[in-house]
Amino acid sequence: MAKPVQVGDRLERLTCVSVGNPHAVVFCDRVEDLDLEKLGPLFEHHAIFPDRVNTEFVRVIDDHTLQMRVWERGSGETLACGTGACATTVAAVLNGYCPQGEPILVKLRGGDLTITYQADGTVMMTGPAEEVFQGEINL
């Protein structure tokens, strides 16, 4: 469940989820207009996360659709994050935005993923796999 945390000059409600790596999920009304270059580091380097944290900024479109932007620790904003989409769906279920055991569409800038958080705690992710780079290196 979401807990209030002071982040910079803002009081944010964070839902923290670990899916093998740490995530702080923030539900908000708009995600497209957020200044992640400013906000992201405030979350990533917050004192309550001594090893830093990935942060998802999420708008609930409806009970089966979420829009997400992500700030990944050490990388900045990225177009997609599978563990972030999983953590976001778990947080959405825990906070009563989405039903458990049903597929939830998570819309990311890099493409859509479908996540199901099952009653036994299993999180399933499905989505397209595409080759985005090819290269060679001479050793």
C-alpha atoms as a PDB file:
ATOM      1  CA  MET A   1       0.000   0.000   0.000  1.00  0.00           C
ATOM      2  CA  ALA A   2       1.067   3.563  -0.658  1.00  0.00           C
ATOM      3  CA  LYS A   3       2.886   5.452   2.090  1.00  0.00           C
ATOM      4  CA  PRO A   4       3.531   9.213   2.200  1.00  0.00           C
ATOM      5  CA  VAL A   5       7.147  10.259   1.676  1.00  0.00           C
ATOM      6  CA  GLN A   6       8.588  13.763   1.336  1.00  0.00           C
ATOM      7  CA  VAL A   7      10.504  13.935  -1.953  1.00  0.00           C
ATOM      8  CA  GLY A   8      12.064  17.347  -2.514  1.00  0.00           C
ATOM      9  CA  ASP A   9       9.269  19.865  -1.981  1.00  0.00           C
ATOM     10  CA  ARG A  10       6.534  17.320  -2.779  1.00  0.00           C
ATOM     11  CA  LEU A  11       4.717  14.873  -0.520  1.00  0.00           C
ATOM     12  CA  GLU A  12       4.388  11.720  -2.635  1.00  0.00           C
ATOM     13  CA  ARG A  13       2.577   8.470  -1.962  1.00  0.00           C
ATOM     14  CA  LEU A  14       4.945   5.595  -2.772  1.00  0.00           C
ATOM     15  CA  THR A  15       4.225   1.938  -3.111  1.00  0.00           C
ATOM     16  CA  CYS A  16       7.502   0.039  -2.847  1.00  0.00           C
ATOM     17  CA  VAL A  17       7.752  -3.333  -4.581  1.00  0.00           C
ATOM     18  CA  SER A  18      10.685  -5.682  -5.106  1.00  0.00           C
ATOM     19  CA  VAL A  19      10.603  -7.954  -8.133  1.00  0.00           C
ATOM     20  CA  GLY A  20      14.254  -8.891  -7.787  1.00  0.00           C
ATOM     21  CA  ASN A  21      15.186  -5.216  -7.899  1.00  0.00           C
ATOM     22  CA  PRO A  22      13.698  -2.266  -5.982  1.00  0.00           C
ATOM     23  CA  HIS A  23      10.869  -0.132  -7.374  1.00  0.00           C
ATOM     24  CA  ALA A  24       8.976   2.868  -6.022  1.00  0.00           C
ATOM     25  CA  VAL A  25       5.637   3.310  -7.791  1.00  0.00           C
ATOM     26  CA  VAL A  26       3.959   6.722  -7.830  1.00  0.00           C
ATOM     27  CA  PHE A  27       0.372   7.056  -9.103  1.00  0.00           C
ATOM     28  CA  CYS A  28      -0.392  10.441 -10.656  1.00  0.00           C
ATOM     29  CA  ASP A  29      -2.961  12.121 -12.895  1.00  0.00           C
ATOM     30  CA  ARG A  30      -0.578  12.886 -15.749  1.00  0.00           C
ATOM     31  CA  VAL A  31       2.674  11.218 -16.727  1.00  0.00           C
ATOM     32  CA  GLU A  32       3.459  12.823 -20.091  1.00  0.00           C
ATOM     33  CA  ASP A  33       4.072  16.269 -18.598  1.00  0.00           C
ATOM     34  CA  LEU A  34       6.361  15.180 -15.768  1.00  0.00           C
ATOM     35  CA  ASP A  35       9.911  16.517 -15.749  1.00  0.00           C
ATOM     36  CA  LEU A  36      11.610  13.166 -15.115  1.00  0.00           C
ATOM     37  CA  GLU A  37      15.076  14.697 -15.507  1.00  0.00           C
ATOM     38  CA  LYS A  38      14.310  16.702 -12.362  1.00  0.00           C
ATOM     39  CA  LEU A  39      12.067  14.242 -10.465  1.00  0.00           C
ATOM     40  CA  GLY A  40      13.848  10.974 -11.203  1.00  0.00           C
ATOM     41  CA  PRO A  41      17.080  11.721  -9.333  1.00  0.00           C
ATOM     42  CA  LEU A  42      15.128  12.939  -6.284  1.00  0.00           C
ATOM     43  CA  PHE A  43      13.572   9.484  -5.954  1.00  0.00           C
ATOM     44  CA  GLU A  44      16.637   7.499  -7.057  1.00  0.00           C
ATOM     45  CA  HIS A  45      18.894   9.117  -4.451  1.00  0.00           C
ATOM     46  CA  HIS A  46      16.356   9.557  -1.630  1.00  0.00           C
ATOM     47  CA  ALA A  47      17.729   8.697   1.824  1.00  0.00           C
ATOM     48  CA  ILE A  48      15.188   5.878   2.315  1.00  0.00           C
ATOM     49  CA  PHE A  49      16.788   4.036  -0.635  1.00  0.00           C
ATOM     50  CA  PRO A  50      20.474   3.633   0.301  1.00  0.00           C
ATOM     51  CA  ASP A  51      21.081   1.397  -2.758  1.00  0.00           C
ATOM     52  CA  ARG A  52      18.974   3.699  -4.978  1.00  0.00           C
ATOM     53  CA  VAL A  53      15.651   2.787  -6.588  1.00  0.00           C
ATOM     54  CA  ASN A  54      13.853   2.545  -9.927  1.00  0.00           C
ATOM     55  CA  THR A  55      10.786   4.790  -9.984  1.00  0.00           C
ATOM     56  CA  GLU A  56       7.613   4.317 -12.010  1.00  0.00           C
ATOM     57  CA  PHE A  57       5.222   7.205 -12.590  1.00  0.00           C
ATOM     58  CA  VAL A  58       1.819   5.763 -13.419  1.00  0.00           C
ATOM     59  CA  ARG A  59      -1.541   7.030 -14.617  1.00  0.00           C
ATOM     60  CA  VAL A  60      -4.508   4.705 -14.187  1.00  0.00           C
ATOM     61  CA  ILE A  61      -6.489   4.855 -17.423  1.00  0.00           C
ATOM     62  CA  ASP A  62      -9.020   2.258 -16.297  1.00  0.00           C
ATOM     63  CA  ASP A  63      -9.039  -0.890 -14.159  1.00  0.00           C
ATOM     64  CA  HIS A  64      -7.243  -2.883 -16.876  1.00  0.00           C
ATOM     65  CA  THR A  65      -4.981  -0.204 -18.408  1.00  0.00           C
ATOM     66  CA  LEU A  66      -2.047   1.738 -16.973  1.00  0.00           C
ATOM     67  CA  GLN A  67       0.267   4.303 -18.569  1.00  0.00           C
ATOM     68  CA  MET A  68       3.796   4.300 -17.206  1.00  0.00           C
ATOM     69  CA  ARG A  69       7.057   6.207 -17.463  1.00  0.00           C
ATOM     70  CA  VAL A  70      10.137   4.922 -15.715  1.00  0.00           C
ATOM     71  CA  TRP A  71      13.304   6.353 -14.200  1.00  0.00           C
ATOM     72  CA  GLU A  72      15.859   3.555 -13.886  1.00  0.00           C
ATOM     73  CA  ARG A  73      18.584   3.873 -11.290  1.00  0.00           C
ATOM     74  CA  GLY A  74      21.916   4.508 -12.939  1.00  0.00           C
ATOM     75  CA  SER A  75      20.375   5.001 -16.399  1.00  0.00           C
ATOM     76  CA  GLY A  76      17.772   7.766 -16.252  1.00  0.00           C
ATOM     77  CA  GLU A  77      14.521   7.619 -18.166  1.00  0.00           C
ATOM     78  CA  THR A  78      14.177   4.555 -20.368  1.00  0.00           C
ATOM     79  CA  LEU A  79      11.503   3.711 -22.921  1.00  0.00           C
ATOM     80  CA  ALA A  80      10.495   0.450 -21.279  1.00  0.00           C
ATOM     81  CA  CYS A  81      11.175  -1.655 -18.200  1.00  0.00           C
ATOM     82  CA  GLY A  82       9.765  -5.156 -17.774  1.00  0.00           C
ATOM     83  CA  THR A  83      10.406  -5.375 -14.046  1.00  0.00           C
ATOM     84  CA  GLY A  84       8.959  -1.883 -13.687  1.00  0.00           C
ATOM     85  CA  ALA A  85       5.777  -2.893 -15.504  1.00  0.00           C
ATOM     86  CA  CYS A  86       5.501  -5.932 -13.211  1.00  0.00           C
ATOM     87  CA  ALA A  87       6.078  -3.833 -10.070  1.00  0.00           C
ATOM     88  CA  THR A  88       3.551  -1.260 -11.313  1.00  0.00           C
ATOM     89  CA  THR A  89       0.873  -3.895 -11.820  1.00  0.00           C
ATOM     90  CA  VAL A  90       1.476  -5.385  -8.369  1.00  0.00           C
ATOM     91  CA  ALA A  91       1.240  -1.871  -6.866  1.00  0.00           C
ATOM     92  CA  ALA A  92      -1.963  -1.158  -8.824  1.00  0.00           C
ATOM     93  CA  VAL A  93      -3.544  -4.338  -7.453  1.00  0.00           C
ATOM     94  CA  LEU A  94      -2.364  -3.646  -3.878  1.00  0.00           C
ATOM     95  CA  ASN A  95      -3.828  -0.125  -4.048  1.00  0.00           C
ATOM     96  CA  GLY A  96      -7.162  -1.294  -5.466  1.00  0.00           C
ATOM     97  CA  TYR A  97      -6.816   0.217  -8.951  1.00  0.00           C
ATOM     98  CA  CYS A  98      -6.755  -3.098 -10.840  1.00  0.00           C
ATOM     99  CA  PRO A  99      -8.084  -6.610 -10.197  1.00  0.00           C
ATOM    100  CA  GLN A 100      -5.772  -9.438  -9.249  1.00  0.00           C
ATOM    101  CA  GLY A 101      -5.549 -12.452 -11.550  1.00  0.00           C
ATOM    102  CA  GLU A 102      -6.589 -10.565 -14.692  1.00  0.00           C
ATOM    103  CA  PRO A 103      -4.377  -9.252 -17.525  1.00  0.00           C
ATOM    104  CA  ILE A 104      -3.467  -5.562 -17.172  1.00  0.00           C
ATOM    105  CA  LEU A 105      -2.187  -3.593 -20.179  1.00  0.00           C
ATOM    106  CA  VAL A 106       0.783  -1.400 -19.277  1.00  0.00           C
ATOM    107  CA  LYS A 107       1.469   1.287 -21.884  1.00  0.00           C
ATOM    108  CA  LEU A 108       5.113   2.382 -22.047  1.00  0.00           C
ATOM    109  CA  ARG A 109       6.844   4.742 -24.471  1.00  0.00           C
ATOM    110  CA  GLY A 110       8.713   1.772 -25.946  1.00  0.00           C
ATOM    111  CA  GLY A 111       5.635  -0.440 -26.384  1.00  0.00           C
ATOM    112  CA  ASP A 112       2.903  -2.201 -24.489  1.00  0.00           C
ATOM    113  CA  LEU A 113       3.211  -5.117 -22.074  1.00  0.00           C
ATOM    114  CA  THR A 114       0.500  -7.271 -20.538  1.00  0.00           C
ATOM    115  CA  ILE A 115       1.031  -8.190 -16.906  1.00  0.00           C
ATOM    116  CA  THR A 116      -0.981 -10.560 -14.723  1.00  0.00           C
ATOM    117  CA  TYR A 117      -0.458 -10.617 -10.962  1.00  0.00           C
ATOM    118  CA  GLN A 118      -1.873 -13.951  -9.841  1.00  0.00           C
ATOM    119  CA  ALA A 119      -3.333 -14.788  -6.435  1.00  0.00           C
ATOM    120  CA  ASP A 120      -0.389 -17.084  -5.605  1.00  0.00           C
ATOM    121  CA  GLY A 121       2.017 -14.144  -6.010  1.00  0.00           C
ATOM    122  CA  THR A 122       3.231 -15.113  -9.480  1.00  0.00           C
ATOM    123  CA  VAL A 123       3.665 -12.229 -11.912  1.00  0.00           C
ATOM    124  CA  MET A 124       3.422 -13.070 -15.621  1.00  0.00           C
ATOM    125  CA  MET A 125       4.578 -10.703 -18.381  1.00  0.00           C
ATOM    126  CA  THR A 126       3.777 -11.016 -22.072  1.00  0.00           C
ATOM    127  CA  GLY A 127       4.687  -8.729 -24.928  1.00  0.00           C
ATOM    128  CA  PRO A 128       6.512  -8.547 -28.222  1.00  0.00           C
ATOM    129  CA  ALA A 129      10.161  -9.474 -28.601  1.00  0.00           C
ATOM    130  CA  GLU A 130      11.914  -7.564 -31.352  1.00  0.00           C
ATOM    131  CA  GLU A 131      15.504  -7.351 -32.459  1.00  0.00           C
ATOM    132  CA  VAL A 132      16.597  -3.757 -32.048  1.00  0.00           C
ATOM    133  CA  PHE A 133      20.322  -4.034 -32.710  1.00  0.00           C
ATOM    134  CA  GLN A 134      22.843  -6.182 -34.522  1.00  0.00           C
ATOM    135  CA  GLY A 135      26.567  -5.827 -34.397  1.00  0.00           C
ATOM    136  CA  GLU A 136      29.967  -7.436 -34.566  1.00  0.00           C
ATOM    137  CA  ILE A 137      33.071  -6.941 -32.529  1.00  0.00           C
ATOM    138  CA  ASN A 138      36.575  -7.999 -33.444  1.00  0.00           C
ATOM    139  CA  LEU A 139      38.634  -9.262 -30.531  1.00  0.00           C
END
